N, C-alpha and C. Protein backbone atom coordinates (compact mmCIF):
# COMPACT_ATOMS: atom_id res chain seq x y z
N MET A 1 1.00 -1.13 0.53
CA MET A 1 -0.13 0.39 0.19
C MET A 1 1.05 1.41 0.04
N ASN A 2 0.90 2.18 -0.98
CA ASN A 2 1.04 2.93 -0.63
C ASN A 2 0.13 4.67 0.17
N TYR A 3 1.04 5.97 0.44
CA TYR A 3 0.43 6.89 0.60
C TYR A 3 1.62 8.16 0.15
N PHE A 4 0.57 8.94 1.05
CA PHE A 4 0.94 10.89 1.23
C PHE A 4 1.33 10.99 2.00
N TYR A 5 2.36 11.61 2.18
CA TYR A 5 2.99 12.88 3.35
C TYR A 5 2.06 14.20 2.57
N VAL A 6 1.50 14.46 3.56
CA VAL A 6 1.02 15.60 3.09
C VAL A 6 1.41 16.62 4.01
N GLY A 7 2.14 16.79 4.77
CA GLY A 7 2.01 17.10 5.95
C GLY A 7 3.47 19.04 4.94
N GLY A 8 2.92 20.08 5.96
CA GLY A 8 4.29 20.43 5.62
C GLY A 8 4.14 21.87 3.91
N ALA A 9 2.94 21.36 4.02
CA ALA A 9 2.02 22.26 2.16
C ALA A 9 1.66 23.78 2.71
N SER A 10 2.11 24.25 2.34
CA SER A 10 1.19 25.74 1.97
C SER A 10 -0.25 25.22 2.39
N ARG A 11 -0.29 25.22 0.65
CA ARG A 11 -1.74 25.15 -0.38
C ARG A 11 -1.57 24.09 -0.20
N TRP A 12 -2.91 23.27 -1.26
CA TRP A 12 -3.49 22.37 -1.63
C TRP A 12 -4.07 23.11 -3.39
N GLU A 13 -4.10 22.15 -3.87
CA GLU A 13 -5.30 22.72 -5.10
C GLU A 13 -6.57 22.63 -4.81
N MET A 14 -7.33 22.23 -4.04
CA MET A 14 -8.44 22.27 -2.84
C MET A 14 -8.53 22.55 -2.50
N ALA A 15 -7.84 23.02 -1.67
CA ALA A 15 -8.09 23.93 -0.43
C ALA A 15 -6.85 24.21 0.21
N ASP A 16 -7.38 25.80 -0.12
CA ASP A 16 -6.11 26.44 -0.10
C ASP A 16 -6.49 28.11 1.37
N PRO A 17 -5.78 27.72 2.89
CA PRO A 17 -5.03 27.08 3.02
C PRO A 17 -4.91 25.73 3.59
N ALA A 18 -4.34 25.30 3.36
CA ALA A 18 -4.19 23.49 3.48
C ALA A 18 -4.41 23.17 4.02
N PHE A 19 -4.22 23.35 5.64
CA PHE A 19 -4.76 22.79 6.52
C PHE A 19 -3.26 21.77 7.08
N SER A 20 -2.25 21.72 6.42
CA SER A 20 -1.21 20.87 6.23
C SER A 20 -0.10 21.25 7.89
N PRO A 21 0.19 19.94 8.84
CA PRO A 21 0.80 20.32 10.28
C PRO A 21 2.22 21.07 8.78
N ILE A 22 2.82 21.11 10.37
CA ILE A 22 3.72 21.52 9.54
C ILE A 22 5.25 20.70 11.00
N ARG A 23 3.72 22.11 11.71
CA ARG A 23 4.63 21.44 14.15
C ARG A 23 4.06 21.24 14.98
N PRO A 24 4.74 19.74 15.57
CA PRO A 24 3.99 19.27 16.82
C PRO A 24 2.27 19.42 16.56
N GLY A 25 2.91 20.98 17.29
CA GLY A 25 1.40 22.09 18.58
C GLY A 25 0.36 22.67 16.96
N ASP A 26 0.74 22.60 16.18
CA ASP A 26 -0.12 22.50 14.83
C ASP A 26 -1.58 21.58 15.26
N PRO A 27 -2.91 22.36 14.92
CA PRO A 27 -3.86 21.22 14.70
C PRO A 27 -4.70 19.93 15.01
N PRO A 28 -4.92 20.04 16.09
CA PRO A 28 -5.16 17.84 15.56
C PRO A 28 -5.54 17.30 14.15
N THR A 29 -6.50 18.74 13.68
CA THR A 29 -7.66 17.50 13.04
C THR A 29 -6.57 18.22 11.81
N TRP A 30 -5.83 18.50 11.27
CA TRP A 30 -4.87 18.48 9.95
C TRP A 30 -4.18 17.04 9.54
N THR A 31 -4.59 17.13 8.31
CA THR A 31 -4.06 15.59 7.75
C THR A 31 -2.41 15.62 7.88
N LEU A 32 -2.05 14.39 8.02
CA LEU A 32 -0.62 14.66 8.14
C LEU A 32 0.07 13.35 7.20
N MET A 33 -1.05 12.08 7.11
CA MET A 33 -0.52 11.52 5.61
C MET A 33 -1.74 10.69 5.20
N VAL A 34 -1.62 10.52 4.19
CA VAL A 34 -3.45 9.35 4.01
C VAL A 34 -2.91 8.76 2.90
N ASP A 35 -3.75 7.18 2.97
CA ASP A 35 -3.37 6.36 1.49
C ASP A 35 -3.85 7.21 0.20
N MET A 36 -3.12 6.12 -0.92
CA MET A 36 -2.56 7.54 -2.18
C MET A 36 -3.92 6.99 -2.91
N VAL A 37 -4.77 7.88 -3.61
CA VAL A 37 -5.81 8.40 -4.62
C VAL A 37 -4.62 8.87 -5.95
N HIS A 38 -4.76 7.74 -6.73
CA HIS A 38 -3.80 8.23 -8.01
C HIS A 38 -4.98 8.53 -9.27
N LYS A 39 -5.23 9.37 -9.52
CA LYS A 39 -5.40 8.55 -11.61
C LYS A 39 -4.64 9.79 -12.10
N PRO A 40 -3.08 9.33 -13.27
CA PRO A 40 -2.92 9.57 -13.70
C PRO A 40 -3.30 10.52 -15.09
N SER A 41 -3.13 11.89 -14.77
CA SER A 41 -4.03 12.49 -16.47
C SER A 41 -4.71 11.90 -17.65
N GLU A 42 -3.25 11.07 -18.21
CA GLU A 42 -3.31 10.22 -19.32
C GLU A 42 -4.71 8.80 -19.06
N SER A 43 -5.15 8.75 -18.26
CA SER A 43 -6.31 8.35 -17.72
C SER A 43 -7.21 8.37 -17.12
N GLU A 44 -8.24 7.69 -17.85
CA GLU A 44 -9.40 7.80 -17.00
C GLU A 44 -10.19 6.34 -15.95
N GLN A 45 -8.88 6.02 -15.05
CA GLN A 45 -9.44 4.83 -14.00
C GLN A 45 -8.41 5.43 -12.90
N PHE A 46 -8.64 5.74 -12.20
CA PHE A 46 -7.54 5.37 -11.33
C PHE A 46 -6.54 4.35 -10.65
N LEU A 47 -5.77 4.25 -10.64
CA LEU A 47 -5.22 3.16 -10.97
C LEU A 47 -4.48 3.08 -9.72
N TYR A 48 -3.94 3.79 -9.21
CA TYR A 48 -3.13 3.90 -7.18
C TYR A 48 -3.77 4.17 -5.92
N THR A 49 -5.08 3.55 -6.14
CA THR A 49 -5.81 3.96 -5.35
C THR A 49 -6.05 2.04 -4.32
N ALA A 50 -5.87 2.43 -3.49
CA ALA A 50 -6.75 0.79 -2.71
C ALA A 50 -7.62 0.59 -2.25
N HIS A 51 -7.77 0.80 -1.81
CA HIS A 51 -9.62 1.61 -1.74
C HIS A 51 -10.66 1.60 -2.41
N LYS A 52 -11.27 0.41 -3.77
CA LYS A 52 -11.84 0.66 -4.97
C LYS A 52 -13.44 0.83 -4.58
N GLU A 53 -14.85 0.78 -4.99
CA GLU A 53 -15.76 0.75 -5.02
C GLU A 53 -16.25 -0.17 -6.52
N HIS A 54 -17.40 -1.20 -6.43
CA HIS A 54 -16.81 -2.44 -7.36
C HIS A 54 -17.04 -1.17 -8.60
N ASN A 55 -16.88 -0.12 -8.66
CA ASN A 55 -17.34 0.16 -10.58
C ASN A 55 -15.72 0.70 -11.00
N GLY A 56 -14.71 0.46 -10.22
CA GLY A 56 -13.24 1.22 -9.94
C GLY A 56 -12.89 2.69 -9.04
N SER A 57 -13.94 3.07 -8.50
CA SER A 57 -13.62 4.54 -8.00
C SER A 57 -13.90 4.57 -6.84
N PRO A 58 -13.21 5.39 -6.63
CA PRO A 58 -12.39 5.38 -4.89
C PRO A 58 -13.37 5.12 -4.11
N ALA A 59 -13.70 4.42 -2.69
CA ALA A 59 -14.08 3.94 -2.11
C ALA A 59 -13.20 5.39 -0.83
N GLY A 60 -11.89 6.05 -0.75
CA GLY A 60 -12.40 7.21 0.62
C GLY A 60 -10.57 6.43 0.63
N ALA A 61 -9.92 7.11 2.15
CA ALA A 61 -8.84 6.62 2.49
C ALA A 61 -8.49 6.52 3.69
N ASN A 62 -8.01 6.38 4.45
CA ASN A 62 -7.39 6.38 5.57
C ASN A 62 -6.33 7.64 5.62
N HIS A 63 -6.97 8.62 6.61
CA HIS A 63 -6.11 9.59 7.24
C HIS A 63 -5.48 9.75 8.73
N LEU A 64 -4.03 10.60 8.12
CA LEU A 64 -3.48 9.64 9.56
C LEU A 64 -2.89 11.49 10.30
N PHE A 65 -3.46 12.12 10.99
CA PHE A 65 -3.88 13.05 11.72
C PHE A 65 -2.52 13.48 12.50
N ASN A 66 -2.84 15.25 12.29
CA ASN A 66 -1.68 15.18 13.38
C ASN A 66 -1.38 14.59 14.34
N ASP A 67 -2.53 14.89 15.87
CA ASP A 67 -2.36 14.36 17.30
C ASP A 67 -2.10 12.19 17.19
N LEU A 68 -1.67 12.52 15.29
CA LEU A 68 -1.86 10.64 15.20
C LEU A 68 -2.89 9.68 15.27
N HIS A 69 -4.07 10.15 14.93
CA HIS A 69 -5.32 9.72 15.16
C HIS A 69 -5.77 8.80 13.59
N VAL A 70 -6.31 8.43 13.62
CA VAL A 70 -6.35 7.53 12.02
C VAL A 70 -7.95 7.69 11.55
N ASP A 71 -8.29 8.41 11.08
CA ASP A 71 -10.22 7.90 10.50
C ASP A 71 -9.87 7.37 9.07
N TRP A 72 -10.76 7.31 8.35
CA TRP A 72 -11.65 6.62 7.06
C TRP A 72 -12.59 7.73 6.99
N VAL A 73 -12.08 8.65 5.91
CA VAL A 73 -12.36 9.41 5.20
C VAL A 73 -13.07 8.82 2.92
N LYS A 74 -14.45 8.75 3.78
CA LYS A 74 -15.75 8.59 1.75
C LYS A 74 -14.51 9.26 1.21
N TRP A 75 -14.87 8.99 -0.40
CA TRP A 75 -14.47 9.94 -1.09
C TRP A 75 -15.06 11.31 -1.08
N ASN A 76 -16.54 11.07 -2.34
CA ASN A 76 -17.78 11.60 -2.18
C ASN A 76 -16.80 12.72 -3.17
N GLY A 77 -16.63 12.18 -4.36
CA GLY A 77 -16.46 12.96 -5.81
C GLY A 77 -14.74 13.32 -4.81
N GLY A 78 -14.37 13.59 -3.85
CA GLY A 78 -13.37 14.19 -3.49
C GLY A 78 -13.52 14.91 -2.46
N ARG A 79 -14.46 15.78 -2.57
CA ARG A 79 -15.27 17.04 -1.91
C ARG A 79 -14.31 16.42 -0.53
N ASN A 80 -13.98 15.06 -0.16
CA ASN A 80 -13.39 15.07 1.11
C ASN A 80 -11.98 14.66 1.60
N MET A 81 -11.77 14.97 -0.15
CA MET A 81 -9.23 14.89 0.25
C MET A 81 -8.83 16.24 0.81
N ARG A 82 -8.56 16.28 1.50
CA ARG A 82 -7.68 17.10 1.01
C ARG A 82 -6.08 17.12 0.60
N THR A 83 -5.77 16.96 -0.54
CA THR A 83 -4.14 16.61 -1.21
C THR A 83 -4.53 17.28 -1.94
N LYS A 84 -3.80 16.32 -3.29
CA LYS A 84 -3.48 17.37 -4.18
C LYS A 84 -2.91 18.48 -3.83
N LEU A 85 -1.29 18.22 -3.75
CA LEU A 85 -0.86 19.08 -3.20
C LEU A 85 -0.14 20.43 -5.03
N LEU A 86 0.19 21.72 -4.82
CA LEU A 86 0.43 22.56 -5.50
C LEU A 86 2.08 22.96 -5.53
């Protein structure tokens, strides 16, 4: 299984500000790492996704938060994800 480290980002394509922890004292709800959900731009399929629906679309991803707890976040068309670094 692959993951994205998303700590230390100042902004993301889908969220600005990024809510990305830089220091341990940053808010506990900010995302530090996530399961890989990736669709290459030349592809119509999500090729690098650990958790898929029966139709091949992402189901969601585990998120590791700054306080070190892990929660499942449903994909919901990508609106719930805090990734895609700029």
